[in-house]
PDB file of N, CA and C in Angstrom:
ATOM      1  N   MET A   1      46.593  76.659  62.073  1.00  0.00           N
ATOM      2  CA  MET A   1      47.837  77.092  61.489  1.00  0.00           C
ATOM      3  C   MET A   1      48.826  77.562  62.555  1.00  0.00           C
ATOM      4  N   GLY A   2      48.435  77.595  63.798  1.00  0.00           N
ATOM      5  CA  GLY A   2      49.299  78.069  64.866  1.00  0.00           C
ATOM      6  C   GLY A   2      50.614  77.331  64.939  1.00  0.00           C
ATOM      7  N   ILE A   3      50.610  76.040  64.765  1.00  0.00           N
ATOM      8  CA  ILE A   3      51.841  75.264  64.871  1.00  0.00           C
ATOM      9  C   ILE A   3      52.787  75.603  63.717  1.00  0.00           C
ATOM     10  N   ARG A   4      52.256  75.862  62.562  1.00  0.00           N
ATOM     11  CA  ARG A   4      53.093  76.284  61.425  1.00  0.00           C
ATOM     12  C   ARG A   4      53.687  77.665  61.704  1.00  0.00           C
ATOM     13  N   ASN A   5      52.883  78.553  62.273  1.00  0.00           N
ATOM     14  CA  ASN A   5      53.371  79.894  62.601  1.00  0.00           C
ATOM     15  C   ASN A   5      54.445  79.861  63.682  1.00  0.00           C
ATOM     16  N   ALA A   6      54.486  78.784  64.462  1.00  0.00           N
ATOM     17  CA  ALA A   6      55.500  78.637  65.508  1.00  0.00           C
ATOM     18  C   ALA A   6      56.829  78.136  64.934  1.00  0.00           C
ATOM     19  N   GLY A   7      56.876  77.887  63.627  1.00  0.00           N
ATOM     20  CA  GLY A   7      58.129  77.516  62.987  1.00  0.00           C
ATOM     21  C   GLY A   7      58.269  76.050  62.611  1.00  0.00           C
ATOM     22  N   PHE A   8      57.256  75.243  62.842  1.00  0.00           N
ATOM     23  CA  PHE A   8      57.336  73.832  62.463  1.00  0.00           C
ATOM     24  C   PHE A   8      57.108  73.701  60.965  1.00  0.00           C
ATOM     25  N   THR A   9      58.036  73.036  60.289  1.00  0.00           N
ATOM     26  CA  THR A   9      57.960  72.945  58.832  1.00  0.00           C
ATOM     27  C   THR A   9      57.388  71.631  58.334  1.00  0.00           C
ATOM     28  N   ASP A  10      57.362  70.626  59.183  1.00  0.00           N
ATOM     29  CA  ASP A  10      56.676  69.386  58.801  1.00  0.00           C
ATOM     30  C   ASP A  10      56.081  68.736  60.047  1.00  0.00           C
ATOM     31  N   ILE A  11      54.914  68.149  59.860  1.00  0.00           N
ATOM     32  CA  ILE A  11      54.157  67.605  60.989  1.00  0.00           C
ATOM     33  C   ILE A  11      53.756  66.170  60.673  1.00  0.00           C
ATOM     34  N   MET A  12      54.127  65.260  61.576  1.00  0.00           N
ATOM     35  CA  MET A  12      53.736  63.854  61.465  1.00  0.00           C
ATOM     36  C   MET A  12      52.807  63.545  62.632  1.00  0.00           C
ATOM     37  N   LEU A  13      51.728  62.868  62.336  1.00  0.00           N
ATOM     38  CA  LEU A  13      50.731  62.545  63.343  1.00  0.00           C
ATOM     39  C   LEU A  13      50.488  61.037  63.350  1.00  0.00           C
ATOM     40  N   TYR A  14      50.396  60.474  64.546  1.00  0.00           N
ATOM     41  CA  TYR A  14      50.042  59.063  64.716  1.00  0.00           C
ATOM     42  C   TYR A  14      48.598  58.992  65.191  1.00  0.00           C
ATOM     43  N   SER A  15      47.841  58.061  64.634  1.00  0.00           N
ATOM     44  CA  SER A  15      46.464  57.874  65.066  1.00  0.00           C
ATOM     45  C   SER A  15      46.098  56.403  64.925  1.00  0.00           C
ATOM     46  N   GLY A  16      45.329  55.918  65.858  1.00  0.00           N
ATOM     47  CA  GLY A  16      44.824  54.550  65.770  1.00  0.00           C
ATOM     48  C   GLY A  16      43.671  54.429  64.787  1.00  0.00           C
ATOM     49  N   TYR A  17      43.194  55.562  64.317  1.00  0.00           N
ATOM     50  CA  TYR A  17      42.084  55.558  63.365  1.00  0.00           C
ATOM     51  C   TYR A  17      42.609  55.505  61.934  1.00  0.00           C
ATOM     52  N   GLN A  18      41.769  55.077  61.011  1.00  0.00           N
ATOM     53  CA  GLN A  18      42.135  54.986  59.603  1.00  0.00           C
ATOM     54  C   GLN A  18      42.073  56.359  58.945  1.00  0.00           C
ATOM     55  N   PHE A  19      42.949  56.563  57.979  1.00  0.00           N
ATOM     56  CA  PHE A  19      43.049  57.826  57.269  1.00  0.00           C
ATOM     57  C   PHE A  19      41.705  58.279  56.703  1.00  0.00           C
ATOM     58  N   ASP A  20      40.994  57.385  56.021  1.00  0.00           N
ATOM     59  CA  ASP A  20      39.715  57.766  55.400  1.00  0.00           C
ATOM     60  C   ASP A  20      38.704  58.242  56.433  1.00  0.00           C
ATOM     61  N   ASP A  21      38.654  57.589  57.591  1.00  0.00           N
ATOM     62  CA  ASP A  21      37.736  58.008  58.658  1.00  0.00           C
ATOM     63  C   ASP A  21      38.103  59.390  59.184  1.00  0.00           C
ATOM     64  N   LEU A  22      39.395  59.608  59.402  1.00  0.00           N
ATOM     65  CA  LEU A  22      39.842  60.908  59.897  1.00  0.00           C
ATOM     66  C   LEU A  22      39.573  62.006  58.875  1.00  0.00           C
ATOM     67  N   LYS A  23      39.828  61.712  57.622  1.00  0.00           N
ATOM     68  CA  LYS A  23      39.620  62.707  56.575  1.00  0.00           C
ATOM     69  C   LYS A  23      38.141  63.083  56.463  1.00  0.00           C
ATOM     70  N   ALA A  24      37.278  62.096  56.606  1.00  0.00           N
ATOM     71  CA  ALA A  24      35.841  62.363  56.520  1.00  0.00           C
ATOM     72  C   ALA A  24      35.345  63.197  57.696  1.00  0.00           C
ATOM     73  N   ARG A  25      35.860  62.934  58.868  1.00  0.00           N
ATOM     74  CA  ARG A  25      35.375  63.619  60.075  1.00  0.00           C
ATOM     75  C   ARG A  25      36.152  64.887  60.418  1.00  0.00           C
ATOM     76  N   TYR A  26      37.451  64.895  60.111  1.00  0.00           N
ATOM     77  CA  TYR A  26      38.310  65.998  60.545  1.00  0.00           C
ATOM     78  C   TYR A  26      39.190  66.514  59.413  1.00  0.00           C
ATOM     79  N   GLN A  27      38.616  66.735  58.260  1.00  0.00           N
ATOM     80  CA  GLN A  27      39.397  67.155  57.104  1.00  0.00           C
ATOM     81  C   GLN A  27      40.214  68.406  57.386  1.00  0.00           C
ATOM     82  N   TYR A  28      39.662  69.338  58.148  1.00  0.00           N
ATOM     83  CA  TYR A  28      40.365  70.585  58.459  1.00  0.00           C
ATOM     84  C   TYR A  28      41.642  70.335  59.254  1.00  0.00           C
ATOM     85  N   ILE A  29      41.694  69.255  60.020  1.00  0.00           N
ATOM     86  CA  ILE A  29      42.910  68.906  60.762  1.00  0.00           C
ATOM     87  C   ILE A  29      43.867  68.141  59.854  1.00  0.00           C
ATOM     88  N   VAL A  30      43.338  67.195  59.102  1.00  0.00           N
ATOM     89  CA  VAL A  30      44.168  66.387  58.208  1.00  0.00           C
ATOM     90  C   VAL A  30      44.920  67.279  57.227  1.00  0.00           C
ATOM     91  N   GLU A  31      44.301  68.343  56.785  1.00  0.00           N
ATOM     92  CA  GLU A  31      44.948  69.253  55.845  1.00  0.00           C
ATOM     93  C   GLU A  31      46.136  69.999  56.459  1.00  0.00           C
ATOM     94  N   LEU A  32      46.241  70.019  57.772  1.00  0.00           N
ATOM     95  CA  LEU A  32      47.325  70.728  58.448  1.00  0.00           C
ATOM     96  C   LEU A  32      48.559  69.866  58.691  1.00  0.00           C
ATOM     97  N   ILE A  33      48.448  68.559  58.450  1.00  0.00           N
ATOM     98  CA  ILE A  33      49.582  67.672  58.719  1.00  0.00           C
ATOM     99  C   ILE A  33      50.231  67.228  57.413  1.00  0.00           C
ATOM    100  N   ASP A  34      51.451  66.744  57.520  1.00  0.00           N
ATOM    101  CA  ASP A  34      52.185  66.315  56.337  1.00  0.00           C
ATOM    102  C   ASP A  34      52.163  64.806  56.147  1.00  0.00           C
ATOM    103  N   VAL A  35      52.236  64.081  57.246  1.00  0.00           N
ATOM    104  CA  VAL A  35      52.235  62.620  57.190  1.00  0.00           C
ATOM    105  C   VAL A  35      51.360  62.087  58.319  1.00  0.00           C
ATOM    106  N   LEU A  36      50.561  61.094  58.000  1.00  0.00           N
ATOM    107  CA  LEU A  36      49.723  60.432  58.997  1.00  0.00           C
ATOM    108  C   LEU A  36      50.085  58.954  59.028  1.00  0.00           C
ATOM    109  N   ILE A  37      50.463  58.467  60.209  1.00  0.00           N
ATOM    110  CA  ILE A  37      50.636  57.026  60.405  1.00  0.00           C
ATOM    111  C   ILE A  37      49.328  56.573  61.026  1.00  0.00           C
ATOM    112  N   ASP A  38      48.562  55.778  60.281  1.00  0.00           N
ATOM    113  CA  ASP A  38      47.242  55.387  60.760  1.00  0.00           C
ATOM    114  C   ASP A  38      47.188  53.905  61.103  1.00  0.00           C
ATOM    115  N   GLY A  39      46.099  53.518  61.732  1.00  0.00           N
ATOM    116  CA  GLY A  39      45.886  52.125  62.119  1.00  0.00           C
ATOM    117  C   GLY A  39      46.297  51.881  63.549  1.00  0.00           C
ATOM    118  N   ARG A  40      45.560  51.038  64.196  1.00  0.00           N
ATOM    119  CA  ARG A  40      45.840  50.712  65.597  1.00  0.00           C
ATOM    120  C   ARG A  40      47.157  49.954  65.726  1.00  0.00           C
ATOM    121  N   TYR A  41      47.860  50.229  66.801  1.00  0.00           N
ATOM    122  CA  TYR A  41      49.038  49.450  67.135  1.00  0.00           C
ATOM    123  C   TYR A  41      48.556  48.060  67.525  1.00  0.00           C
ATOM    124  N   MET A  42      49.166  47.036  66.956  1.00  0.00           N
ATOM    125  CA  MET A  42      48.758  45.669  67.257  1.00  0.00           C
ATOM    126  C   MET A  42      49.972  44.853  67.671  1.00  0.00           C
ATOM    127  N   GLN A  43      49.942  44.402  68.921  1.00  0.00           N
ATOM    128  CA  GLN A  43      51.008  43.552  69.449  1.00  0.00           C
ATOM    129  C   GLN A  43      51.016  42.242  68.668  1.00  0.00           C
ATOM    130  N   GLY A  44      52.201  41.765  68.339  1.00  0.00           N
ATOM    131  CA  GLY A  44      52.320  40.463  67.696  1.00  0.00           C
ATOM    132  C   GLY A  44      52.551  40.536  66.191  1.00  0.00           C
ATOM    133  N   ILE A  45      52.436  41.721  65.599  1.00  0.00           N
ATOM    134  CA  ILE A  45      52.742  41.840  64.171  1.00  0.00           C
ATOM    135  C   ILE A  45      53.834  42.902  63.987  1.00  0.00           C
ATOM    136  N   GLU A  46      55.041  42.488  64.327  1.00  0.00           N
ATOM    137  CA  GLU A  46      56.237  43.344  64.304  1.00  0.00           C
ATOM    138  C   GLU A  46      56.483  43.877  62.898  1.00  0.00           C
ATOM    139  N   THR A  47      57.101  45.035  62.827  1.00  0.00           N
ATOM    140  CA  THR A  47      57.519  45.616  61.558  1.00  0.00           C
ATOM    141  C   THR A  47      58.959  46.083  61.671  1.00  0.00           C
ATOM    142  N   ASP A  48      59.639  46.111  60.555  1.00  0.00           N
ATOM    143  CA  ASP A  48      61.007  46.617  60.515  1.00  0.00           C
ATOM    144  C   ASP A  48      61.064  48.080  60.090  1.00  0.00           C
ATOM    145  N   TYR A  49      59.924  48.629  59.681  1.00  0.00           N
ATOM    146  CA  TYR A  49      59.918  50.029  59.258  1.00  0.00           C
ATOM    147  C   TYR A  49      60.082  50.924  60.475  1.00  0.00           C
ATOM    148  N   VAL A  50      60.929  51.933  60.341  1.00  0.00           N
ATOM    149  CA  VAL A  50      61.352  52.707  61.503  1.00  0.00           C
ATOM    150  C   VAL A  50      60.246  53.554  62.133  1.00  0.00           C
ATOM    151  N   TRP A  51      59.249  53.969  61.392  1.00  0.00           N
ATOM    152  CA  TRP A  51      58.246  54.870  61.960  1.00  0.00           C
ATOM    153  C   TRP A  51      56.917  54.193  62.236  1.00  0.00           C
ATOM    154  N   LYS A  52      56.874  52.886  62.194  1.00  0.00           N
ATOM    155  CA  LYS A  52      55.626  52.176  62.465  1.00  0.00           C
ATOM    156  C   LYS A  52      55.827  51.254  63.657  1.00  0.00           C
ATOM    157  N   GLY A  53      54.787  51.115  64.461  1.00  0.00           N
ATOM    158  CA  GLY A  53      54.860  50.250  65.626  1.00  0.00           C
ATOM    159  C   GLY A  53      54.448  48.829  65.327  1.00  0.00           C
ATOM    160  N   SER A  54      53.547  48.653  64.354  1.00  0.00           N
ATOM    161  CA  SER A  54      53.122  47.323  63.944  1.00  0.00           C
ATOM    162  C   SER A  54      52.879  47.316  62.438  1.00  0.00           C
ATOM    163  N   ALA A  55      52.970  46.129  61.839  1.00  0.00           N
ATOM    164  CA  ALA A  55      52.950  46.000  60.385  1.00  0.00           C
ATOM    165  C   ALA A  55      51.632  46.433  59.744  1.00  0.00           C
ATOM    166  N   ASN A  56      50.555  46.474  60.491  1.00  0.00           N
ATOM    167  CA  ASN A  56      49.266  46.856  59.919  1.00  0.00           C
ATOM    168  C   ASN A  56      49.125  48.362  59.715  1.00  0.00           C
ATOM    169  N   GLN A  57      50.014  49.141  60.290  1.00  0.00           N
ATOM    170  CA  GLN A  57      49.904  50.588  60.178  1.00  0.00           C
ATOM    171  C   GLN A  57      50.354  51.069  58.797  1.00  0.00           C
ATOM    172  N   ASN A  58      49.749  52.165  58.348  1.00  0.00           N
ATOM    173  CA  ASN A  58      50.049  52.732  57.036  1.00  0.00           C
ATOM    174  C   ASN A  58      50.622  54.126  57.185  1.00  0.00           C
ATOM    175  N   ALA A  59      51.518  54.482  56.285  1.00  0.00           N
ATOM    176  CA  ALA A  59      52.061  55.832  56.238  1.00  0.00           C
ATOM    177  C   ALA A  59      51.409  56.560  55.077  1.00  0.00           C
ATOM    178  N   ASN A  60      50.708  57.629  55.382  1.00  0.00           N
ATOM    179  CA  ASN A  60      50.014  58.424  54.371  1.00  0.00           C
ATOM    180  C   ASN A  60      50.708  59.773  54.251  1.00  0.00           C
ATOM    181  N   ILE A  61      51.328  60.009  53.105  1.00  0.00           N
ATOM    182  CA  ILE A  61      51.992  61.291  52.876  1.00  0.00           C
ATOM    183  C   ILE A  61      50.943  62.230  52.307  1.00  0.00           C
ATOM    184  N   ILE A  62      50.669  63.291  53.044  1.00  0.00           N
ATOM    185  CA  ILE A  62      49.594  64.207  52.700  1.00  0.00           C
ATOM    186  C   ILE A  62      50.128  65.521  52.131  1.00  0.00           C
ATOM    187  N   THR A  63      51.317  65.912  52.529  1.00  0.00           N
ATOM    188  CA  THR A  63      51.858  67.217  52.155  1.00  0.00           C
ATOM    189  C   THR A  63      51.834  67.439  50.652  1.00  0.00           C
ATOM    190  N   GLN A  64      51.684  68.686  50.262  1.00  0.00           N
ATOM    191  CA  GLN A  64      51.765  69.076  48.854  1.00  0.00           C
ATOM    192  C   GLN A  64      53.161  69.585  48.504  1.00  0.00           C
ATOM    193  N   ASP A  65      54.016  69.741  49.508  1.00  0.00           N
ATOM    194  CA  ASP A  65      55.381  70.215  49.317  1.00  0.00           C
ATOM    195  C   ASP A  65      56.195  69.102  48.645  1.00  0.00           C
ATOM    196  N   ALA A  66      56.643  69.338  47.420  1.00  0.00           N
ATOM    197  CA  ALA A  66      57.326  68.305  46.631  1.00  0.00           C
ATOM    198  C   ALA A  66      58.611  67.814  47.293  1.00  0.00           C
ATOM    199  N   LEU A  67      59.406  68.721  47.838  1.00  0.00           N
ATOM    200  CA  LEU A  67      60.651  68.327  48.490  1.00  0.00           C
ATOM    201  C   LEU A  67      60.383  67.480  49.733  1.00  0.00           C
ATOM    202  N   LEU A  68      59.401  67.878  50.507  1.00  0.00           N
ATOM    203  CA  LEU A  68      59.033  67.132  51.706  1.00  0.00           C
ATOM    204  C   LEU A  68      58.485  65.755  51.338  1.00  0.00           C
ATOM    205  N   ARG A  69      57.704  65.663  50.271  1.00  0.00           N
ATOM    206  CA  ARG A  69      57.189  64.366  49.798  1.00  0.00           C
ATOM    207  C   ARG A  69      58.346  63.422  49.455  1.00  0.00           C
ATOM    208  N   LEU A  70      59.337  63.947  48.743  1.00  0.00           N
ATOM    209  CA  LEU A  70      60.504  63.130  48.385  1.00  0.00           C
ATOM    210  C   LEU A  70      61.229  62.632  49.627  1.00  0.00           C
ATOM    211  N   ARG A  71      61.431  63.528  50.574  1.00  0.00           N
ATOM    212  CA  ARG A  71      62.136  63.156  51.804  1.00  0.00           C
ATOM    213  C   ARG A  71      61.364  62.083  52.560  1.00  0.00           C
ATOM    214  N   TYR A  72      60.062  62.281  52.737  1.00  0.00           N
ATOM    215  CA  TYR A  72      59.265  61.288  53.460  1.00  0.00           C
ATOM    216  C   TYR A  72      59.197  59.964  52.715  1.00  0.00           C
ATOM    217  N   ASN A  73      59.100  59.992  51.398  1.00  0.00           N
ATOM    218  CA  ASN A  73      59.069  58.742  50.632  1.00  0.00           C
ATOM    219  C   ASN A  73      60.311  57.915  50.892  1.00  0.00           C
ATOM    220  N   SER A  74      61.462  58.554  50.983  1.00  0.00           N
ATOM    221  CA  SER A  74      62.681  57.782  51.245  1.00  0.00           C
ATOM    222  C   SER A  74      62.732  57.292  52.688  1.00  0.00           C
ATOM    223  N   TYR A  75      62.321  58.122  53.645  1.00  0.00           N
ATOM    224  CA  TYR A  75      62.342  57.715  55.050  1.00  0.00           C
ATOM    225  C   TYR A  75      61.333  56.623  55.360  1.00  0.00           C
ATOM    226  N   LEU A  76      60.169  56.698  54.762  1.00  0.00           N
ATOM    227  CA  LEU A  76      59.111  55.748  55.102  1.00  0.00           C
ATOM    228  C   LEU A  76      59.388  54.349  54.585  1.00  0.00           C
ATOM    229  N   LYS A  77      60.327  54.214  53.669  1.00  0.00           N
ATOM    230  CA  LYS A  77      60.700  52.886  53.173  1.00  0.00           C
ATOM    231  C   LYS A  77      61.906  52.332  53.920  1.00  0.00           C
ATOM    232  N   ARG A  78      62.403  53.100  54.867  1.00  0.00           N
ATOM    233  CA  ARG A  78      63.607  52.741  55.603  1.00  0.00           C
ATOM    234  C   ARG A  78      63.320  51.645  56.625  1.00  0.00           C
ATOM    235  N   ARG A  79      64.198  50.667  56.661  1.00  0.00           N
ATOM    236  CA  ARG A  79      64.116  49.599  57.660  1.00  0.00           C
ATOM    237  C   ARG A  79      65.341  49.711  58.555  1.00  0.00           C
ATOM    238  N   ALA A  80      65.195  49.234  59.764  1.00  0.00           N
ATOM    239  CA  ALA A  80      66.319  49.332  60.700  1.00  0.00           C
ATOM    240  C   ALA A  80      66.551  48.010  61.400  1.00  0.00           C
ATOM    241  N   ASP A  81      67.825  47.636  61.528  1.00  0.00           N
ATOM    242  CA  ASP A  81      68.167  46.438  62.288  1.00  0.00           C
ATOM    243  C   ASP A  81      67.871  46.657  63.762  1.00  0.00           C
ATOM    244  N   LYS A  82      68.186  47.845  64.233  1.00  0.00           N
ATOM    245  CA  LYS A  82      67.868  48.189  65.605  1.00  0.00           C
ATOM    246  C   LYS A  82      67.343  49.612  65.627  1.00  0.00           C
ATOM    247  N   ARG A  83      66.522  49.881  66.570  1.00  0.00           N
ATOM    248  CA  ARG A  83      65.941  51.211  66.687  1.00  0.00           C
ATOM    249  C   ARG A  83      66.586  51.941  67.846  1.00  0.00           C
ATOM    250  N   ARG A  84      66.867  53.170  67.625  1.00  0.00           N
ATOM    251  CA  ARG A  84      67.456  53.983  68.682  1.00  0.00           C
ATOM    252  C   ARG A  84      66.356  54.746  69.391  1.00  0.00           C
ATOM    253  N   LEU A  85      66.431  54.710  70.696  1.00  0.00           N
ATOM    254  CA  LEU A  85      65.450  55.409  71.517  1.00  0.00           C
ATOM    255  C   LEU A  85      66.167  56.475  72.323  1.00  0.00           C
ATOM    256  N   GLN A  86      65.465  57.533  72.599  1.00  0.00           N
ATOM    257  CA  GLN A  86      66.000  58.583  73.455  1.00  0.00           C
ATOM    258  C   GLN A  86      65.224  58.546  74.759  1.00  0.00           C
ATOM    259  N   ILE A  87      65.939  58.484  75.882  1.00  0.00           N
ATOM    260  CA  ILE A  87      65.303  58.470  77.191  1.00  0.00           C
ATOM    261  C   ILE A  87      65.531  59.838  77.826  1.00  0.00           C
ATOM    262  N   VAL A  88      64.446  60.481  78.219  1.00  0.00           N
ATOM    263  CA  VAL A  88      64.521  61.829  78.776  1.00  0.00           C
ATOM    264  C   VAL A  88      63.897  61.803  80.160  1.00  0.00           C
ATOM    265  N   GLU A  89      64.602  62.358  81.117  1.00  0.00           N
ATOM    266  CA  GLU A  89      64.078  62.459  82.478  1.00  0.00           C
ATOM    267  C   GLU A  89      63.908  63.933  82.815  1.00  0.00           C
ATOM    268  N   ASP A  90      62.749  64.264  83.326  1.00  0.00           N
ATOM    269  CA  ASP A  90      62.523  65.624  83.820  1.00  0.00           C
ATOM    270  C   ASP A  90      61.725  65.525  85.115  1.00  0.00           C
ATOM    271  N   PRO A  91      61.454  66.624  85.777  1.00  0.00           N
ATOM    272  CA  PRO A  91      60.763  66.564  87.078  1.00  0.00           C
ATOM    273  C   PRO A  91      59.399  65.867  87.043  1.00  0.00           C
ATOM    274  N   GLN A  92      58.785  65.805  85.867  1.00  0.00           N
ATOM    275  CA  GLN A  92      57.462  65.188  85.769  1.00  0.00           C
ATOM    276  C   GLN A  92      57.514  63.708  85.426  1.00  0.00           C
ATOM    277  N   GLY A  93      58.670  63.181  85.088  1.00  0.00           N
ATOM    278  CA  GLY A  93      58.750  61.759  84.794  1.00  0.00           C
ATOM    279  C   GLY A  93      59.838  61.429  83.795  1.00  0.00           C
ATOM    280  N   ILE A  94      59.796  60.192  83.331  1.00  0.00           N
ATOM    281  CA  ILE A  94      60.741  59.690  82.342  1.00  0.00           C
ATOM    282  C   ILE A  94      59.969  59.432  81.061  1.00  0.00           C
ATOM    283  N   TYR A  95      60.536  59.868  79.937  1.00  0.00           N
ATOM    284  CA  TYR A  95      59.869  59.727  78.652  1.00  0.00           C
ATOM    285  C   TYR A  95      60.772  58.979  77.684  1.00  0.00           C
ATOM    286  N   ILE A  96      60.179  58.152  76.866  1.00  0.00           N
ATOM    287  CA  ILE A  96      60.909  57.460  75.812  1.00  0.00           C
ATOM    288  C   ILE A  96      60.479  58.094  74.502  1.00  0.00           C
ATOM    289  N   ILE A  97      61.454  58.570  73.757  1.00  0.00           N
ATOM    290  CA  ILE A  97      61.180  59.183  72.467  1.00  0.00           C
ATOM    291  C   ILE A  97      61.655  58.223  71.395  1.00  0.00           C
ATOM    292  N   GLY A  98      60.763  57.830  70.536  1.00  0.00           N
ATOM    293  CA  GLY A  98      61.071  56.882  69.483  1.00  0.00           C
ATOM    294  C   GLY A  98      60.077  55.734  69.529  1.00  0.00           C
ATOM    295  N   ILE A  99      60.234  54.826  68.615  1.00  0.00           N
ATOM    296  CA  ILE A  99      59.322  53.688  68.525  1.00  0.00           C
ATOM    297  C   ILE A  99      60.119  52.417  68.786  1.00  0.00           C
ATOM    298  N   PRO A 100      59.927  51.802  69.951  1.00  0.00           N
ATOM    299  CA  PRO A 100      60.668  50.571  70.250  1.00  0.00           C
ATOM    300  C   PRO A 100      60.126  49.394  69.445  1.00  0.00           C
ATOM    301  N   ARG A 101      60.947  48.404  69.273  1.00  0.00           N
ATOM    302  CA  ARG A 101      60.463  47.148  68.682  1.00  0.00           C
ATOM    303  C   ARG A 101      59.524  46.489  69.683  1.00  0.00           C
ATOM    304  N   GLN A 102      58.590  45.737  69.194  1.00  0.00           N
ATOM    305  CA  GLN A 102      57.643  45.080  70.082  1.00  0.00           C
ATOM    306  C   GLN A 102      58.358  44.171  71.072  1.00  0.00           C
ATOM    307  N   GLN A 103      59.390  43.493  70.631  1.00  0.00           N
ATOM    308  CA  GLN A 103      60.108  42.571  71.517  1.00  0.00           C
ATOM    309  C   GLN A 103      60.847  43.304  72.636  1.00  0.00           C
ATOM    310  N   ASP A 104      61.038  44.615  72.504  1.00  0.00           N
ATOM    311  CA  ASP A 104      61.727  45.389  73.532  1.00  0.00           C
ATOM    312  C   ASP A 104      60.782  45.942  74.594  1.00  0.00           C
ATOM    313  N   THR A 105      59.510  45.843  74.378  1.00  0.00           N
ATOM    314  CA  THR A 105      58.529  46.436  75.278  1.00  0.00           C
ATOM    315  C   THR A 105      58.669  45.913  76.704  1.00  0.00           C
ATOM    316  N   GLU A 106      58.843  44.626  76.876  1.00  0.00           N
ATOM    317  CA  GLU A 106      58.952  44.043  78.217  1.00  0.00           C
ATOM    318  C   GLU A 106      60.196  44.563  78.934  1.00  0.00           C
ATOM    319  N   ALA A 107      61.322  44.643  78.219  1.00  0.00           N
ATOM    320  CA  ALA A 107      62.559  45.140  78.824  1.00  0.00           C
ATOM    321  C   ALA A 107      62.398  46.607  79.236  1.00  0.00           C
ATOM    322  N   ILE A 108      61.710  47.381  78.444  1.00  0.00           N
ATOM    323  CA  ILE A 108      61.485  48.791  78.775  1.00  0.00           C
ATOM    324  C   ILE A 108      60.622  48.902  80.020  1.00  0.00           C
ATOM    325  N   GLN A 109      59.615  48.070  80.126  1.00  0.00           N
ATOM    326  CA  GLN A 109      58.744  48.094  81.302  1.00  0.00           C
ATOM    327  C   GLN A 109      59.515  47.762  82.566  1.00  0.00           C
ATOM    328  N   ILE A 110      60.426  46.812  82.486  1.00  0.00           N
ATOM    329  CA  ILE A 110      61.227  46.425  83.644  1.00  0.00           C
ATOM    330  C   ILE A 110      62.123  47.579  84.067  1.00  0.00           C
ATOM    331  N   VAL A 111      62.768  48.224  83.118  1.00  0.00           N
ATOM    332  CA  VAL A 111      63.668  49.352  83.401  1.00  0.00           C
ATOM    333  C   VAL A 111      62.890  50.512  83.992  1.00  0.00           C
ATOM    334  N   MET A 112      61.694  50.760  83.499  1.00  0.00           N
ATOM    335  CA  MET A 112      60.907  51.904  83.940  1.00  0.00           C
ATOM    336  C   MET A 112      60.317  51.718  85.345  1.00  0.00           C
ATOM    337  N   CYS A 113      60.223  50.500  85.811  1.00  0.00           N
ATOM    338  CA  CYS A 113      59.600  50.252  87.120  1.00  0.00           C
ATOM    339  C   CYS A 113      60.506  50.527  88.262  1.00  0.00           C
TER     340      CYS A 113
END
């Protein structure tokens, strides 16, 4: 509950593992998050959904908060023509915040090198 006590009101977690497997093994953690994007990222199966990296991934809304459920339901169905990324540079490196389209991965690698 520490992260909630720090003021975070909603928590989204990405995992390459399936929701059912995580729930069976780590239920105490799953209960602390609001949304889980599960499934391995798979190159070659692009998706237009803004919060998924590949089409095989699933969005699992776990929260019991009714308002938050409504908000996530609308966002998780959102598609984007283009995705906006935030590039952050600090003394430890350069970070990309957001989920790039698969076709943009090569261009990002070139820029980062």
